[in-house]
Amino acid sequence: MKISNIDISSYDTLLLDRDGTINIHIIGGYVRNWNEFEFIPNVVETIAYWSKRVKHIFIVTNQRGISKGIYTDEDLADIHAHMIAEIEKVGGRIDGIYYCTALTEEDIRRKPGIGMFKEILHDHPDVEPSTTLMIGDSNVDRDFAKNCGIDFADVDSLKRDGEFEYWVNSKKTIWK
């Protein structure tokens, strides 16, 4: 399902994966700087549309490339600052970005662990799991939603493998 086709009418909080959901996922690599970041078509406009209809929009993303020494927290902050600026240019917003740099799933903060969701609930006490939707493109995102007790929307993902780009179609629309 294309991200723009997701029905968010039952939700007031959206959690978005980043790589493969907001920007093109680089197979076997990482987005290390803003020059390597590329929005998936229609994502920026969709986030702007959602921004007028929901209370909160958060990004939850695993970023193990930092722990691998491929890029730094500062690089990631720069990428996210540019990303948010582009979203804001068209009237959208991101209310917070939660990321985990852990290399293994033993860290509860790393998706599919629930640590980032617990942080959101702590930082934003008005967030209700029953009206929260996780939007992502992978089994890790689906498992994260299940572990958090929230609904999940599986979106089509745009991937880049070397010079080739291709779409991976989602398997389900909404899992509850």
N, C-alpha and C. Protein backbone atom coordinates (compact mmCIF):
# COMPACT_ATOMS: atom_id res chain seq x y z
N MET A 1 0.84 -1.17 0.00
CA MET A 1 0.00 0.00 0.00
C MET A 1 0.89 1.24 0.00
N LYS A 2 0.57 2.19 -0.83
CA LYS A 2 1.30 3.46 -0.85
C LYS A 2 1.01 4.22 0.44
N ILE A 3 1.98 4.93 0.93
CA ILE A 3 1.84 5.64 2.19
C ILE A 3 0.67 6.63 2.15
N SER A 4 0.44 7.22 1.00
CA SER A 4 -0.64 8.22 0.88
C SER A 4 -2.03 7.59 0.96
N ASN A 5 -2.13 6.27 0.85
CA ASN A 5 -3.42 5.59 0.89
C ASN A 5 -3.80 5.07 2.27
N ILE A 6 -2.96 5.27 3.26
CA ILE A 6 -3.25 4.77 4.61
C ILE A 6 -4.36 5.60 5.24
N ASP A 7 -5.35 4.91 5.78
CA ASP A 7 -6.46 5.57 6.47
C ASP A 7 -6.04 5.81 7.93
N ILE A 8 -5.84 7.06 8.28
CA ILE A 8 -5.41 7.40 9.64
C ILE A 8 -6.56 7.93 10.49
N SER A 9 -7.77 7.85 9.99
CA SER A 9 -8.91 8.50 10.65
C SER A 9 -9.18 7.99 12.07
N SER A 10 -8.74 6.80 12.42
CA SER A 10 -8.97 6.25 13.76
C SER A 10 -7.83 6.54 14.74
N TYR A 11 -6.85 7.31 14.31
CA TYR A 11 -5.63 7.49 15.10
C TYR A 11 -5.35 8.96 15.37
N ASP A 12 -4.72 9.22 16.53
CA ASP A 12 -4.27 10.58 16.80
C ASP A 12 -2.75 10.65 16.98
N THR A 13 -2.09 9.48 16.95
CA THR A 13 -0.63 9.43 17.03
C THR A 13 -0.11 8.48 15.97
N LEU A 14 0.87 8.94 15.21
CA LEU A 14 1.51 8.12 14.18
C LEU A 14 2.98 7.95 14.52
N LEU A 15 3.46 6.72 14.42
CA LEU A 15 4.89 6.40 14.53
C LEU A 15 5.34 5.97 13.15
N LEU A 16 6.40 6.58 12.65
CA LEU A 16 6.91 6.27 11.32
C LEU A 16 8.31 5.69 11.42
N ASP A 17 8.53 4.59 10.73
CA ASP A 17 9.88 4.12 10.49
C ASP A 17 10.52 5.14 9.55
N ARG A 18 11.84 5.13 9.45
CA ARG A 18 12.48 6.08 8.54
C ARG A 18 12.93 5.41 7.25
N ASP A 19 14.00 4.60 7.30
CA ASP A 19 14.58 4.03 6.08
C ASP A 19 13.60 3.03 5.44
N GLY A 20 13.23 3.32 4.21
CA GLY A 20 12.29 2.47 3.48
C GLY A 20 10.85 2.91 3.62
N THR A 21 10.59 3.82 4.54
CA THR A 21 9.24 4.34 4.75
C THR A 21 9.18 5.82 4.38
N ILE A 22 10.15 6.59 4.87
CA ILE A 22 10.23 8.02 4.57
C ILE A 22 11.24 8.28 3.45
N ASN A 23 12.38 7.62 3.56
CA ASN A 23 13.42 7.80 2.54
C ASN A 23 13.78 6.46 1.90
N ILE A 24 14.41 6.54 0.75
CA ILE A 24 14.83 5.34 0.02
C ILE A 24 15.81 4.55 0.89
N HIS A 25 15.53 3.27 1.02
CA HIS A 25 16.37 2.36 1.80
C HIS A 25 17.56 1.91 0.94
N ILE A 26 18.77 2.13 1.41
CA ILE A 26 19.97 1.71 0.69
C ILE A 26 20.31 0.29 1.13
N ILE A 27 20.16 -0.65 0.22
CA ILE A 27 20.42 -2.05 0.53
C ILE A 27 21.92 -2.23 0.78
N GLY A 28 22.24 -2.84 1.92
CA GLY A 28 23.63 -3.11 2.27
C GLY A 28 24.42 -1.88 2.66
N GLY A 29 23.74 -0.77 2.89
CA GLY A 29 24.45 0.46 3.24
C GLY A 29 23.62 1.34 4.15
N TYR A 30 24.08 2.55 4.33
CA TYR A 30 23.46 3.49 5.24
C TYR A 30 23.39 4.87 4.62
N VAL A 31 22.39 5.63 5.01
CA VAL A 31 22.35 7.05 4.68
C VAL A 31 23.27 7.73 5.69
N ARG A 32 24.42 8.20 5.21
CA ARG A 32 25.44 8.73 6.10
C ARG A 32 25.43 10.25 6.20
N ASN A 33 24.79 10.91 5.24
CA ASN A 33 24.73 12.37 5.25
C ASN A 33 23.53 12.82 4.43
N TRP A 34 23.23 14.11 4.49
CA TRP A 34 22.05 14.63 3.82
C TRP A 34 22.09 14.40 2.32
N ASN A 35 23.27 14.42 1.71
CA ASN A 35 23.38 14.21 0.26
C ASN A 35 22.93 12.80 -0.15
N GLU A 36 22.96 11.86 0.77
CA GLU A 36 22.56 10.48 0.47
C GLU A 36 21.09 10.21 0.83
N PHE A 37 20.44 11.19 1.43
CA PHE A 37 19.04 11.04 1.84
C PHE A 37 18.14 11.44 0.68
N GLU A 38 17.18 10.58 0.36
CA GLU A 38 16.23 10.89 -0.71
C GLU A 38 14.84 10.44 -0.29
N PHE A 39 13.91 11.40 -0.24
CA PHE A 39 12.54 11.08 0.13
C PHE A 39 11.90 10.13 -0.88
N ILE A 40 11.08 9.24 -0.38
CA ILE A 40 10.24 8.41 -1.24
C ILE A 40 9.16 9.34 -1.81
N PRO A 41 8.80 9.19 -3.08
CA PRO A 41 7.79 10.08 -3.68
C PRO A 41 6.50 10.14 -2.84
N ASN A 42 5.97 11.35 -2.71
CA ASN A 42 4.71 11.67 -2.04
C ASN A 42 4.75 11.60 -0.51
N VAL A 43 5.88 11.24 0.08
CA VAL A 43 5.96 11.13 1.54
C VAL A 43 5.84 12.49 2.21
N VAL A 44 6.55 13.48 1.72
CA VAL A 44 6.54 14.80 2.34
C VAL A 44 5.12 15.38 2.33
N GLU A 45 4.45 15.27 1.19
CA GLU A 45 3.09 15.78 1.08
C GLU A 45 2.11 15.01 1.98
N THR A 46 2.33 13.71 2.09
CA THR A 46 1.47 12.89 2.95
C THR A 46 1.65 13.28 4.41
N ILE A 47 2.88 13.49 4.85
CA ILE A 47 3.12 13.91 6.23
C ILE A 47 2.48 15.28 6.48
N ALA A 48 2.55 16.17 5.51
CA ALA A 48 1.90 17.48 5.66
C ALA A 48 0.39 17.32 5.82
N TYR A 49 -0.21 16.45 5.04
CA TYR A 49 -1.65 16.18 5.13
C TYR A 49 -1.99 15.61 6.51
N TRP A 50 -1.22 14.63 6.96
CA TRP A 50 -1.45 14.03 8.28
C TRP A 50 -1.28 15.04 9.41
N SER A 51 -0.36 15.98 9.23
CA SER A 51 -0.05 16.95 10.29
C SER A 51 -1.27 17.78 10.69
N LYS A 52 -2.20 17.91 9.77
CA LYS A 52 -3.42 18.67 10.06
C LYS A 52 -4.49 17.79 10.69
N ARG A 53 -4.25 16.49 10.80
CA ARG A 53 -5.29 15.57 11.22
C ARG A 53 -4.98 14.74 12.47
N VAL A 54 -3.72 14.74 12.89
CA VAL A 54 -3.35 13.97 14.08
C VAL A 54 -2.63 14.86 15.08
N LYS A 55 -2.63 14.40 16.33
CA LYS A 55 -2.02 15.16 17.42
C LYS A 55 -0.50 15.04 17.40
N HIS A 56 0.00 13.81 17.14
CA HIS A 56 1.45 13.57 17.19
C HIS A 56 1.93 12.76 15.99
N ILE A 57 3.13 13.11 15.52
CA ILE A 57 3.84 12.32 14.52
C ILE A 57 5.28 12.17 15.01
N PHE A 58 5.69 10.91 15.23
CA PHE A 58 7.04 10.61 15.69
C PHE A 58 7.72 9.67 14.71
N ILE A 59 9.03 9.77 14.64
CA ILE A 59 9.83 8.80 13.89
C ILE A 59 10.51 7.90 14.91
N VAL A 60 10.47 6.59 14.66
CA VAL A 60 11.18 5.60 15.47
C VAL A 60 12.06 4.80 14.51
N THR A 61 13.37 4.87 14.73
CA THR A 61 14.28 4.30 13.75
C THR A 61 15.51 3.67 14.41
N ASN A 62 15.88 2.51 13.91
CA ASN A 62 17.14 1.88 14.31
C ASN A 62 18.25 2.49 13.47
N GLN A 63 19.33 2.89 14.11
CA GLN A 63 20.46 3.53 13.42
C GLN A 63 21.77 2.93 13.91
N ARG A 64 21.96 1.64 13.65
CA ARG A 64 23.15 0.96 14.14
C ARG A 64 24.43 1.40 13.44
N GLY A 65 24.31 2.10 12.31
CA GLY A 65 25.49 2.60 11.62
C GLY A 65 26.34 3.50 12.50
N ILE A 66 25.72 4.15 13.49
CA ILE A 66 26.48 4.99 14.42
C ILE A 66 27.40 4.11 15.26
N SER A 67 26.87 3.03 15.83
CA SER A 67 27.70 2.13 16.65
C SER A 67 28.75 1.41 15.83
N LYS A 68 28.50 1.27 14.54
CA LYS A 68 29.49 0.65 13.65
C LYS A 68 30.57 1.64 13.22
N GLY A 69 30.40 2.92 13.56
CA GLY A 69 31.37 3.93 13.19
C GLY A 69 31.26 4.41 11.76
N ILE A 70 30.14 4.16 11.11
CA ILE A 70 29.95 4.54 9.71
C ILE A 70 29.55 6.01 9.59
N TYR A 71 28.80 6.50 10.56
CA TYR A 71 28.44 7.91 10.66
C TYR A 71 28.27 8.23 12.14
N THR A 72 28.09 9.50 12.45
CA THR A 72 28.07 9.93 13.85
C THR A 72 26.67 10.42 14.25
N ASP A 73 26.50 10.63 15.55
CA ASP A 73 25.26 11.24 16.05
C ASP A 73 25.07 12.62 15.42
N GLU A 74 26.17 13.34 15.23
CA GLU A 74 26.09 14.66 14.62
C GLU A 74 25.64 14.57 13.16
N ASP A 75 26.15 13.57 12.44
CA ASP A 75 25.70 13.35 11.05
C ASP A 75 24.20 13.09 11.02
N LEU A 76 23.74 12.23 11.95
CA LEU A 76 22.32 11.88 12.00
C LEU A 76 21.48 13.11 12.35
N ALA A 77 21.94 13.91 13.29
CA ALA A 77 21.22 15.13 13.66
C ALA A 77 21.10 16.08 12.46
N ASP A 78 22.15 16.18 11.67
CA ASP A 78 22.13 17.03 10.48
C ASP A 78 21.13 16.49 9.45
N ILE A 79 21.14 15.19 9.23
CA ILE A 79 20.17 14.57 8.30
C ILE A 79 18.76 14.88 8.76
N HIS A 80 18.50 14.67 10.05
CA HIS A 80 17.15 14.88 10.56
C HIS A 80 16.74 16.35 10.54
N ALA A 81 17.66 17.25 10.79
CA ALA A 81 17.34 18.68 10.72
C ALA A 81 16.92 19.06 9.30
N HIS A 82 17.67 18.59 8.30
CA HIS A 82 17.31 18.87 6.90
C HIS A 82 15.97 18.22 6.54
N MET A 83 15.76 16.97 6.98
CA MET A 83 14.53 16.25 6.68
C MET A 83 13.33 17.02 7.25
N ILE A 84 13.43 17.44 8.52
CA ILE A 84 12.33 18.17 9.15
C ILE A 84 12.10 19.50 8.43
N ALA A 85 13.16 20.19 8.04
CA ALA A 85 13.01 21.47 7.33
C ALA A 85 12.24 21.28 6.03
N GLU A 86 12.53 20.21 5.30
CA GLU A 86 11.83 19.93 4.04
C GLU A 86 10.36 19.62 4.30
N ILE A 87 10.08 18.89 5.35
CA ILE A 87 8.69 18.56 5.70
C ILE A 87 7.95 19.83 6.12
N GLU A 88 8.60 20.68 6.89
CA GLU A 88 7.97 21.92 7.36
C GLU A 88 7.71 22.89 6.21
N LYS A 89 8.53 22.85 5.16
CA LYS A 89 8.33 23.75 4.01
C LYS A 89 6.96 23.57 3.37
N VAL A 90 6.40 22.37 3.46
CA VAL A 90 5.09 22.11 2.84
C VAL A 90 3.98 22.01 3.88
N GLY A 91 4.26 22.48 5.10
CA GLY A 91 3.23 22.52 6.12
C GLY A 91 3.14 21.30 7.01
N GLY A 92 4.13 20.42 6.94
CA GLY A 92 4.14 19.23 7.79
C GLY A 92 4.95 19.43 9.04
N ARG A 93 4.96 18.41 9.88
CA ARG A 93 5.74 18.48 11.11
C ARG A 93 6.12 17.08 11.56
N ILE A 94 7.19 17.02 12.31
CA ILE A 94 7.60 15.82 13.04
C ILE A 94 7.75 16.27 14.48
N ASP A 95 7.05 15.61 15.41
CA ASP A 95 7.04 16.05 16.80
C ASP A 95 8.19 15.49 17.62
N GLY A 96 8.88 14.52 17.09
CA GLY A 96 10.03 13.96 17.79
C GLY A 96 10.61 12.81 16.99
N ILE A 97 11.91 12.63 17.16
CA ILE A 97 12.61 11.51 16.51
C ILE A 97 13.29 10.71 17.60
N TYR A 98 12.97 9.43 17.64
CA TYR A 98 13.56 8.50 18.60
C TYR A 98 14.38 7.49 17.79
N TYR A 99 15.65 7.33 18.18
CA TYR A 99 16.49 6.40 17.44
C TYR A 99 17.33 5.58 18.41
N CYS A 100 17.71 4.41 17.93
CA CYS A 100 18.53 3.50 18.72
C CYS A 100 19.76 3.12 17.91
N THR A 101 20.92 3.21 18.55
CA THR A 101 22.18 2.90 17.88
C THR A 101 22.70 1.50 18.21
N ALA A 102 21.97 0.76 19.04
CA ALA A 102 22.44 -0.56 19.49
C ALA A 102 22.64 -1.50 18.31
N LEU A 103 23.62 -2.37 18.45
CA LEU A 103 23.92 -3.34 17.40
C LEU A 103 23.06 -4.59 17.48
N THR A 104 22.57 -4.92 18.66
CA THR A 104 21.84 -6.18 18.80
C THR A 104 20.45 -5.93 19.39
N GLU A 105 19.60 -6.92 19.19
CA GLU A 105 18.23 -6.85 19.68
C GLU A 105 18.13 -7.01 21.19
N GLU A 106 19.25 -7.32 21.87
CA GLU A 106 19.20 -7.42 23.33
C GLU A 106 18.87 -6.07 23.97
N ASP A 107 19.16 -4.99 23.28
CA ASP A 107 18.83 -3.66 23.78
C ASP A 107 17.34 -3.42 23.57
N ILE A 108 16.60 -3.17 24.65
CA ILE A 108 15.15 -3.00 24.57
C ILE A 108 14.75 -1.79 23.73
N ARG A 109 15.68 -0.86 23.52
CA ARG A 109 15.38 0.32 22.70
C ARG A 109 15.38 -0.01 21.21
N ARG A 110 16.09 -1.05 20.83
CA ARG A 110 16.18 -1.39 19.41
C ARG A 110 14.91 -2.11 18.97
N LYS A 111 14.27 -1.59 17.92
CA LYS A 111 13.09 -2.29 17.40
C LYS A 111 13.49 -3.70 17.01
N PRO A 112 12.75 -4.70 17.36
CA PRO A 112 11.35 -4.68 17.79
C PRO A 112 11.13 -4.51 19.28
N GLY A 113 12.17 -4.21 20.05
CA GLY A 113 11.98 -3.91 21.47
C GLY A 113 11.13 -2.67 21.66
N ILE A 114 10.57 -2.52 22.84
CA ILE A 114 9.58 -1.46 23.07
C ILE A 114 10.16 -0.20 23.72
N GLY A 115 11.47 -0.14 23.86
CA GLY A 115 12.09 0.98 24.57
C GLY A 115 11.77 2.35 24.01
N MET A 116 11.82 2.50 22.69
CA MET A 116 11.54 3.82 22.11
C MET A 116 10.08 4.22 22.33
N PHE A 117 9.17 3.24 22.29
CA PHE A 117 7.77 3.55 22.54
C PHE A 117 7.56 3.94 24.00
N LYS A 118 8.26 3.26 24.90
CA LYS A 118 8.17 3.65 26.32
C LYS A 118 8.65 5.08 26.52
N GLU A 119 9.70 5.47 25.81
CA GLU A 119 10.19 6.85 25.90
C GLU A 119 9.15 7.84 25.40
N ILE A 120 8.49 7.50 24.31
CA ILE A 120 7.43 8.37 23.78
C ILE A 120 6.32 8.53 24.81
N LEU A 121 5.89 7.41 25.41
CA LEU A 121 4.83 7.46 26.41
C LEU A 121 5.25 8.29 27.62
N HIS A 122 6.51 8.20 27.99
CA HIS A 122 7.02 9.00 29.12
C HIS A 122 7.06 10.48 28.76
N ASP A 123 7.57 10.79 27.56
CA ASP A 123 7.73 12.18 27.14
C ASP A 123 6.41 12.85 26.78
N HIS A 124 5.43 12.04 26.38
CA HIS A 124 4.13 12.55 25.90
C HIS A 124 3.02 11.74 26.56
N PRO A 125 2.67 12.07 27.81
CA PRO A 125 1.69 11.28 28.56
C PRO A 125 0.31 11.21 27.91
N ASP A 126 0.02 12.11 26.96
CA ASP A 126 -1.28 12.09 26.30
C ASP A 126 -1.36 11.06 25.17
N VAL A 127 -0.26 10.39 24.84
CA VAL A 127 -0.28 9.36 23.80
C VAL A 127 -0.97 8.11 24.36
N GLU A 128 -1.96 7.63 23.63
CA GLU A 128 -2.70 6.42 24.01
C GLU A 128 -2.38 5.31 23.01
N PRO A 129 -1.91 4.17 23.49
CA PRO A 129 -1.63 3.06 22.56
C PRO A 129 -2.83 2.69 21.68
N SER A 130 -4.03 2.80 22.20
CA SER A 130 -5.23 2.39 21.44
C SER A 130 -5.49 3.29 20.22
N THR A 131 -4.90 4.49 20.20
CA THR A 131 -5.08 5.38 19.06
C THR A 131 -3.75 5.72 18.39
N THR A 132 -2.81 4.77 18.50
CA THR A 132 -1.48 4.94 17.91
C THR A 132 -1.30 3.94 16.78
N LEU A 133 -0.78 4.40 15.66
CA LEU A 133 -0.52 3.56 14.49
C LEU A 133 0.95 3.63 14.14
N MET A 134 1.59 2.46 14.02
CA MET A 134 2.97 2.35 13.53
C MET A 134 2.91 2.12 12.03
N ILE A 135 3.68 2.90 11.28
CA ILE A 135 3.74 2.77 9.83
C ILE A 135 5.17 2.41 9.45
N GLY A 136 5.33 1.27 8.79
CA GLY A 136 6.67 0.82 8.44
C GLY A 136 6.66 -0.15 7.27
N ASP A 137 7.85 -0.63 6.95
CA ASP A 137 8.00 -1.46 5.76
C ASP A 137 8.64 -2.81 6.03
N SER A 138 8.82 -3.18 7.30
CA SER A 138 9.55 -4.41 7.57
C SER A 138 8.90 -5.23 8.68
N ASN A 139 9.34 -6.47 8.79
CA ASN A 139 8.87 -7.34 9.86
C ASN A 139 9.28 -6.79 11.23
N VAL A 140 10.43 -6.12 11.29
CA VAL A 140 10.86 -5.51 12.55
C VAL A 140 9.85 -4.45 12.99
N ASP A 141 9.36 -3.65 12.04
CA ASP A 141 8.36 -2.64 12.36
C ASP A 141 7.05 -3.30 12.81
N ARG A 142 6.66 -4.35 12.11
CA ARG A 142 5.44 -5.08 12.47
C ARG A 142 5.57 -5.67 13.88
N ASP A 143 6.71 -6.30 14.16
CA ASP A 143 6.93 -6.89 15.48
C ASP A 143 6.99 -5.83 16.57
N PHE A 144 7.58 -4.68 16.26
CA PHE A 144 7.61 -3.56 17.19
C PHE A 144 6.18 -3.15 17.56
N ALA A 145 5.33 -2.98 16.55
CA ALA A 145 3.94 -2.61 16.81
C ALA A 145 3.25 -3.65 17.67
N LYS A 146 3.44 -4.90 17.34
CA LYS A 146 2.81 -5.99 18.11
C LYS A 146 3.29 -5.96 19.55
N ASN A 147 4.60 -5.82 19.75
CA ASN A 147 5.17 -5.78 21.10
C ASN A 147 4.67 -4.59 21.91
N CYS A 148 4.38 -3.48 21.23
CA CYS A 148 3.89 -2.27 21.89
C CYS A 148 2.38 -2.28 22.09
N GLY A 149 1.70 -3.24 21.47
CA GLY A 149 0.24 -3.30 21.57
C GLY A 149 -0.46 -2.22 20.77
N ILE A 150 0.14 -1.86 19.61
CA ILE A 150 -0.45 -0.82 18.76
C ILE A 150 -0.69 -1.40 17.36
N ASP A 151 -1.52 -0.71 16.59
CA ASP A 151 -1.82 -1.14 15.24
C ASP A 151 -0.63 -0.87 14.32
N PHE A 152 -0.62 -1.57 13.18
CA PHE A 152 0.49 -1.47 12.24
C PHE A 152 -0.04 -1.35 10.82
N ALA A 153 0.54 -0.44 10.04
CA ALA A 153 0.27 -0.33 8.61
C ALA A 153 1.55 -0.61 7.85
N ASP A 154 1.49 -1.58 6.97
CA ASP A 154 2.63 -2.01 6.17
C ASP A 154 2.60 -1.24 4.85
N VAL A 155 3.67 -0.51 4.55
CA VAL A 155 3.69 0.32 3.34
C VAL A 155 4.66 -0.23 2.30
N ASP A 156 4.36 0.12 1.05
CA ASP A 156 5.30 -0.17 -0.02
C ASP A 156 6.59 0.59 0.26
N SER A 157 7.70 -0.04 -0.08
CA SER A 157 9.00 0.53 0.23
C SER A 157 9.82 0.67 -1.04
N LEU A 158 10.54 1.78 -1.14
CA LEU A 158 11.44 2.00 -2.26
C LEU A 158 12.87 1.70 -1.81
N LYS A 159 13.52 0.80 -2.54
CA LYS A 159 14.87 0.34 -2.19
C LYS A 159 15.84 0.74 -3.30
N ARG A 160 17.10 0.91 -2.92
CA ARG A 160 18.16 1.14 -3.89
C ARG A 160 19.26 0.13 -3.63
N ASP A 161 19.61 -0.60 -4.67
CA ASP A 161 20.69 -1.58 -4.61
C ASP A 161 21.67 -1.21 -5.71
N GLY A 162 22.74 -0.52 -5.34
CA GLY A 162 23.67 -0.01 -6.34
C GLY A 162 22.98 1.04 -7.19
N GLU A 163 22.94 0.80 -8.50
CA GLU A 163 22.31 1.75 -9.42
C GLU A 163 20.82 1.50 -9.60
N PHE A 164 20.32 0.41 -9.07
CA PHE A 164 18.94 0.01 -9.33
C PHE A 164 18.01 0.39 -8.18
N GLU A 165 16.85 0.94 -8.54
CA GLU A 165 15.80 1.21 -7.57
C GLU A 165 14.63 0.30 -7.88
N TYR A 166 13.96 -0.17 -6.83
CA TYR A 166 12.79 -1.03 -7.03
C TYR A 166 11.86 -0.91 -5.84
N TRP A 167 10.58 -1.12 -6.11
CA TRP A 167 9.55 -1.08 -5.07
C TRP A 167 9.35 -2.48 -4.51
N VAL A 168 9.17 -2.55 -3.20
CA VAL A 168 8.76 -3.78 -2.54
C VAL A 168 7.35 -3.53 -2.03
N ASN A 169 6.39 -4.29 -2.54
CA ASN A 169 5.01 -4.10 -2.15
C ASN A 169 4.73 -4.66 -0.77
N SER A 170 3.91 -3.94 -0.03
CA SER A 170 3.54 -4.39 1.32
C SER A 170 2.67 -5.63 1.23
N LYS A 171 2.70 -6.40 2.30
CA LYS A 171 1.94 -7.65 2.35
C LYS A 171 0.54 -7.45 2.92
N LYS A 172 0.39 -6.48 3.80
CA LYS A 172 -0.89 -6.21 4.45
C LYS A 172 -1.09 -4.71 4.49
N THR A 173 -2.33 -4.31 4.66
CA THR A 173 -2.58 -2.89 4.82
C THR A 173 -2.50 -2.52 6.29
N ILE A 174 -3.41 -3.02 7.09
CA ILE A 174 -3.38 -2.68 8.51
C ILE A 174 -3.52 -3.96 9.34
N TRP A 175 -2.65 -4.11 10.29
CA TRP A 175 -2.69 -5.24 11.22
C TRP A 175 -3.13 -4.72 12.57
N LYS A 176 -4.08 -5.40 13.17
CA LYS A 176 -4.56 -4.99 14.51
C LYS A 176 -4.46 -6.15 15.45
